[in-house]
């Protein structure tokens, strides 16, 4: 087992962990309780009927952007809402 160094800053620590395995330092660690909180409000599901060709076009655009088509639709709705004020 290795000895965990003291780091000057987060950049130095990040570089260290990029090249080291945390299991080498298990003796120097201690368990902690972690609670993950989702700060986003829950979304409400809706039904939206679209022609199949519209869905295919949405999927193609979304694929070019590297996102899901439903995410694309949500983004466009939010952009339009922002425009409308």
N, C-alpha and C. Protein backbone atom coordinates (compact mmCIF):
# COMPACT_ATOMS: atom_id res chain seq x y z
N UNK A 1 0.84 -1.19 0.00
CA UNK A 1 0.00 0.00 0.00
C UNK A 1 0.88 1.25 0.00
N UNK A 2 0.45 2.24 -0.79
CA UNK A 2 1.20 3.48 -0.90
C UNK A 2 0.85 4.46 0.20
N UNK A 3 1.53 5.57 0.19
CA UNK A 3 1.29 6.65 1.15
C UNK A 3 0.67 7.81 0.38
N UNK A 4 -0.49 8.26 0.83
CA UNK A 4 -1.22 9.32 0.15
C UNK A 4 -0.52 10.67 0.37
N UNK A 5 -0.12 11.36 -0.72
CA UNK A 5 0.59 12.64 -0.56
C UNK A 5 -0.35 13.78 -0.20
N UNK A 6 0.22 14.89 0.25
CA UNK A 6 -0.54 16.12 0.47
C UNK A 6 -0.52 16.88 -0.86
N UNK A 7 -1.66 17.44 -1.24
CA UNK A 7 -1.76 18.12 -2.52
C UNK A 7 -1.81 19.63 -2.31
N UNK A 8 -1.17 20.35 -3.23
CA UNK A 8 -1.17 21.82 -3.19
C UNK A 8 -2.52 22.39 -3.61
N UNK A 9 -3.16 21.74 -4.61
CA UNK A 9 -4.44 22.23 -5.11
C UNK A 9 -5.20 21.09 -5.79
N UNK A 10 -6.42 21.39 -6.23
CA UNK A 10 -7.26 20.36 -6.86
C UNK A 10 -6.66 19.85 -8.17
N UNK A 11 -6.00 20.74 -8.92
CA UNK A 11 -5.37 20.33 -10.18
C UNK A 11 -4.31 19.26 -9.92
N UNK A 12 -3.48 19.48 -8.94
CA UNK A 12 -2.44 18.51 -8.60
C UNK A 12 -3.06 17.19 -8.15
N UNK A 13 -4.11 17.27 -7.35
CA UNK A 13 -4.78 16.06 -6.89
C UNK A 13 -5.42 15.31 -8.05
N UNK A 14 -6.05 16.04 -8.96
CA UNK A 14 -6.68 15.41 -10.13
C UNK A 14 -5.64 14.69 -10.97
N UNK A 15 -4.49 15.33 -11.19
CA UNK A 15 -3.41 14.70 -11.96
C UNK A 15 -2.91 13.43 -11.27
N UNK A 16 -2.82 13.48 -9.95
CA UNK A 16 -2.39 12.30 -9.19
C UNK A 16 -3.35 11.13 -9.39
N UNK A 17 -4.67 11.39 -9.25
CA UNK A 17 -5.64 10.32 -9.36
C UNK A 17 -5.81 9.82 -10.80
N UNK A 18 -5.40 10.64 -11.78
CA UNK A 18 -5.40 10.17 -13.17
C UNK A 18 -4.38 9.06 -13.39
N UNK A 19 -3.38 8.99 -12.53
CA UNK A 19 -2.29 8.02 -12.74
C UNK A 19 -2.16 7.01 -11.60
N UNK A 20 -3.07 7.04 -10.64
CA UNK A 20 -2.99 6.12 -9.51
C UNK A 20 -4.33 5.44 -9.26
N UNK A 21 -4.28 4.28 -8.64
CA UNK A 21 -5.46 3.51 -8.30
C UNK A 21 -5.78 3.74 -6.83
N UNK A 22 -7.02 4.15 -6.54
CA UNK A 22 -7.39 4.46 -5.15
C UNK A 22 -7.28 3.25 -4.24
N UNK A 23 -7.35 2.03 -4.78
CA UNK A 23 -7.25 0.85 -3.92
C UNK A 23 -5.85 0.70 -3.33
N UNK A 24 -4.87 1.43 -3.86
CA UNK A 24 -3.52 1.40 -3.30
C UNK A 24 -3.45 2.15 -1.97
N UNK A 25 -4.50 2.89 -1.63
CA UNK A 25 -4.47 3.76 -0.46
C UNK A 25 -5.62 3.47 0.50
N UNK A 26 -6.17 2.27 0.46
CA UNK A 26 -7.34 1.93 1.29
C UNK A 26 -7.06 2.07 2.78
N UNK A 27 -5.85 1.77 3.21
CA UNK A 27 -5.54 1.85 4.64
C UNK A 27 -5.63 3.28 5.17
N UNK A 28 -5.50 4.27 4.29
CA UNK A 28 -5.53 5.67 4.70
C UNK A 28 -6.92 6.30 4.55
N UNK A 29 -7.89 5.51 4.21
CA UNK A 29 -9.22 6.06 4.02
C UNK A 29 -10.15 5.58 5.13
N UNK A 30 -11.27 6.25 5.24
CA UNK A 30 -12.29 5.84 6.20
C UNK A 30 -13.66 6.00 5.54
N UNK A 31 -14.59 5.16 5.89
CA UNK A 31 -15.92 5.25 5.27
C UNK A 31 -16.66 6.51 5.73
N UNK A 32 -17.46 7.03 4.84
CA UNK A 32 -18.30 8.18 5.17
C UNK A 32 -19.70 7.93 4.63
N UNK A 33 -20.68 8.52 5.27
CA UNK A 33 -22.05 8.44 4.79
C UNK A 33 -22.26 9.53 3.75
N UNK A 34 -22.78 9.16 2.62
CA UNK A 34 -23.03 10.11 1.54
C UNK A 34 -24.51 10.07 1.19
N UNK A 35 -25.11 11.24 1.08
CA UNK A 35 -26.50 11.35 0.68
C UNK A 35 -26.54 12.19 -0.59
N UNK A 36 -27.09 11.62 -1.64
CA UNK A 36 -27.22 12.35 -2.90
C UNK A 36 -28.61 12.96 -2.96
N UNK A 37 -28.64 14.25 -3.21
CA UNK A 37 -29.89 14.98 -3.28
C UNK A 37 -30.06 15.50 -4.70
N UNK A 38 -31.18 15.20 -5.29
CA UNK A 38 -31.48 15.71 -6.61
C UNK A 38 -32.18 17.05 -6.44
N UNK A 39 -31.48 18.12 -6.77
CA UNK A 39 -32.01 19.47 -6.55
C UNK A 39 -33.00 19.88 -7.63
N UNK A 40 -33.08 19.10 -8.69
CA UNK A 40 -34.02 19.45 -9.76
C UNK A 40 -35.44 19.07 -9.35
N UNK A 41 -36.39 19.92 -9.69
CA UNK A 41 -37.77 19.55 -9.39
C UNK A 41 -38.20 18.39 -10.29
N UNK A 42 -39.11 17.57 -9.82
CA UNK A 42 -39.55 16.43 -10.64
C UNK A 42 -40.26 16.92 -11.89
N UNK A 43 -40.09 16.18 -12.95
CA UNK A 43 -40.75 16.52 -14.21
C UNK A 43 -42.09 15.80 -14.28
N UNK A 44 -43.02 16.38 -15.00
CA UNK A 44 -44.33 15.78 -15.19
C UNK A 44 -44.41 15.25 -16.62
N UNK A 45 -44.85 14.05 -16.76
CA UNK A 45 -44.95 13.43 -18.07
C UNK A 45 -46.21 13.90 -18.80
N UNK A 46 -46.06 14.17 -20.11
CA UNK A 46 -47.20 14.51 -20.95
C UNK A 46 -47.21 13.60 -22.16
N UNK A 47 -48.31 13.59 -22.87
CA UNK A 47 -48.42 12.85 -24.12
C UNK A 47 -48.48 13.85 -25.25
N UNK A 48 -47.73 13.61 -26.29
CA UNK A 48 -47.70 14.50 -27.43
C UNK A 48 -47.74 13.65 -28.69
N UNK A 49 -48.76 13.81 -29.48
CA UNK A 49 -48.89 13.03 -30.70
C UNK A 49 -48.27 13.78 -31.87
N UNK A 50 -47.32 13.13 -32.53
CA UNK A 50 -46.64 13.70 -33.69
C UNK A 50 -46.66 12.68 -34.83
N UNK A 51 -46.64 13.19 -36.04
CA UNK A 51 -46.56 12.29 -37.19
C UNK A 51 -45.23 11.54 -37.16
N UNK A 52 -45.23 10.30 -37.61
CA UNK A 52 -43.99 9.51 -37.60
C UNK A 52 -42.83 10.19 -38.34
N UNK A 53 -43.11 10.87 -39.45
CA UNK A 53 -42.02 11.53 -40.17
C UNK A 53 -41.44 12.69 -39.37
N UNK A 54 -42.25 13.36 -38.58
CA UNK A 54 -41.76 14.43 -37.71
C UNK A 54 -40.84 13.84 -36.65
N UNK A 55 -41.23 12.74 -36.08
CA UNK A 55 -40.40 12.08 -35.06
C UNK A 55 -39.06 11.66 -35.66
N UNK A 56 -39.08 11.12 -36.86
CA UNK A 56 -37.84 10.70 -37.52
C UNK A 56 -36.93 11.89 -37.78
N UNK A 57 -37.52 13.02 -38.19
CA UNK A 57 -36.71 14.22 -38.40
C UNK A 57 -36.11 14.71 -37.08
N UNK A 58 -36.92 14.68 -36.02
CA UNK A 58 -36.42 15.07 -34.70
C UNK A 58 -35.27 14.16 -34.27
N UNK A 59 -35.42 12.87 -34.46
CA UNK A 59 -34.38 11.91 -34.09
C UNK A 59 -33.10 12.17 -34.87
N UNK A 60 -33.22 12.50 -36.16
CA UNK A 60 -32.04 12.76 -36.99
C UNK A 60 -31.31 14.01 -36.51
N UNK A 61 -32.05 15.07 -36.23
CA UNK A 61 -31.44 16.31 -35.73
C UNK A 61 -30.78 16.06 -34.39
N UNK A 62 -31.49 15.37 -33.51
CA UNK A 62 -30.95 15.09 -32.17
C UNK A 62 -29.69 14.25 -32.27
N UNK A 63 -29.67 13.26 -33.16
CA UNK A 63 -28.50 12.41 -33.32
C UNK A 63 -27.29 13.23 -33.76
N UNK A 64 -27.50 14.18 -34.65
CA UNK A 64 -26.39 15.05 -35.10
C UNK A 64 -25.85 15.88 -33.95
N UNK A 65 -26.73 16.22 -33.01
CA UNK A 65 -26.31 17.02 -31.86
C UNK A 65 -25.80 16.14 -30.71
N UNK A 66 -25.98 14.83 -30.83
CA UNK A 66 -25.50 13.92 -29.79
C UNK A 66 -26.39 13.88 -28.56
N UNK A 67 -27.69 14.14 -28.76
CA UNK A 67 -28.64 14.11 -27.63
C UNK A 67 -29.86 13.28 -28.04
N UNK A 68 -30.70 12.96 -27.09
CA UNK A 68 -31.94 12.25 -27.38
C UNK A 68 -32.98 13.19 -27.97
N UNK A 69 -33.89 12.65 -28.74
CA UNK A 69 -34.87 13.51 -29.41
C UNK A 69 -35.83 14.15 -28.41
N UNK A 70 -36.14 13.47 -27.32
CA UNK A 70 -37.02 14.08 -26.32
C UNK A 70 -36.31 15.24 -25.61
N UNK A 71 -35.02 15.09 -25.40
CA UNK A 71 -34.23 16.19 -24.84
C UNK A 71 -34.25 17.38 -25.79
N UNK A 72 -34.10 17.12 -27.07
CA UNK A 72 -34.16 18.18 -28.07
C UNK A 72 -35.50 18.91 -28.01
N UNK A 73 -36.58 18.17 -27.95
CA UNK A 73 -37.91 18.78 -27.88
C UNK A 73 -38.01 19.67 -26.64
N UNK A 74 -37.55 19.15 -25.47
CA UNK A 74 -37.60 19.95 -24.24
C UNK A 74 -36.78 21.23 -24.38
N UNK A 75 -35.59 21.11 -24.99
CA UNK A 75 -34.75 22.29 -25.19
C UNK A 75 -35.46 23.32 -26.06
N UNK A 76 -36.07 22.88 -27.15
CA UNK A 76 -36.76 23.80 -28.05
C UNK A 76 -37.95 24.46 -27.36
N UNK A 77 -38.68 23.70 -26.58
CA UNK A 77 -39.82 24.28 -25.85
C UNK A 77 -39.32 25.34 -24.88
N UNK A 78 -38.25 25.04 -24.14
CA UNK A 78 -37.72 26.00 -23.17
C UNK A 78 -37.18 27.25 -23.87
N UNK A 79 -36.52 27.07 -25.03
CA UNK A 79 -36.03 28.23 -25.79
C UNK A 79 -37.19 29.12 -26.23
N UNK A 80 -38.24 28.50 -26.71
CA UNK A 80 -39.39 29.28 -27.18
C UNK A 80 -40.08 29.99 -26.02
N UNK A 81 -40.20 29.33 -24.89
CA UNK A 81 -40.79 29.96 -23.71
C UNK A 81 -39.96 31.18 -23.28
N UNK A 82 -38.64 31.06 -23.36
CA UNK A 82 -37.78 32.18 -23.01
C UNK A 82 -37.99 33.34 -23.98
N UNK A 83 -38.18 33.04 -25.26
CA UNK A 83 -38.43 34.09 -26.26
C UNK A 83 -39.76 34.80 -26.00
N UNK A 84 -40.75 34.03 -25.62
CA UNK A 84 -42.08 34.59 -25.39
C UNK A 84 -42.17 35.42 -24.12
N UNK A 85 -41.22 35.13 -23.21
CA UNK A 85 -41.18 35.89 -21.97
C UNK A 85 -42.18 35.40 -21.03
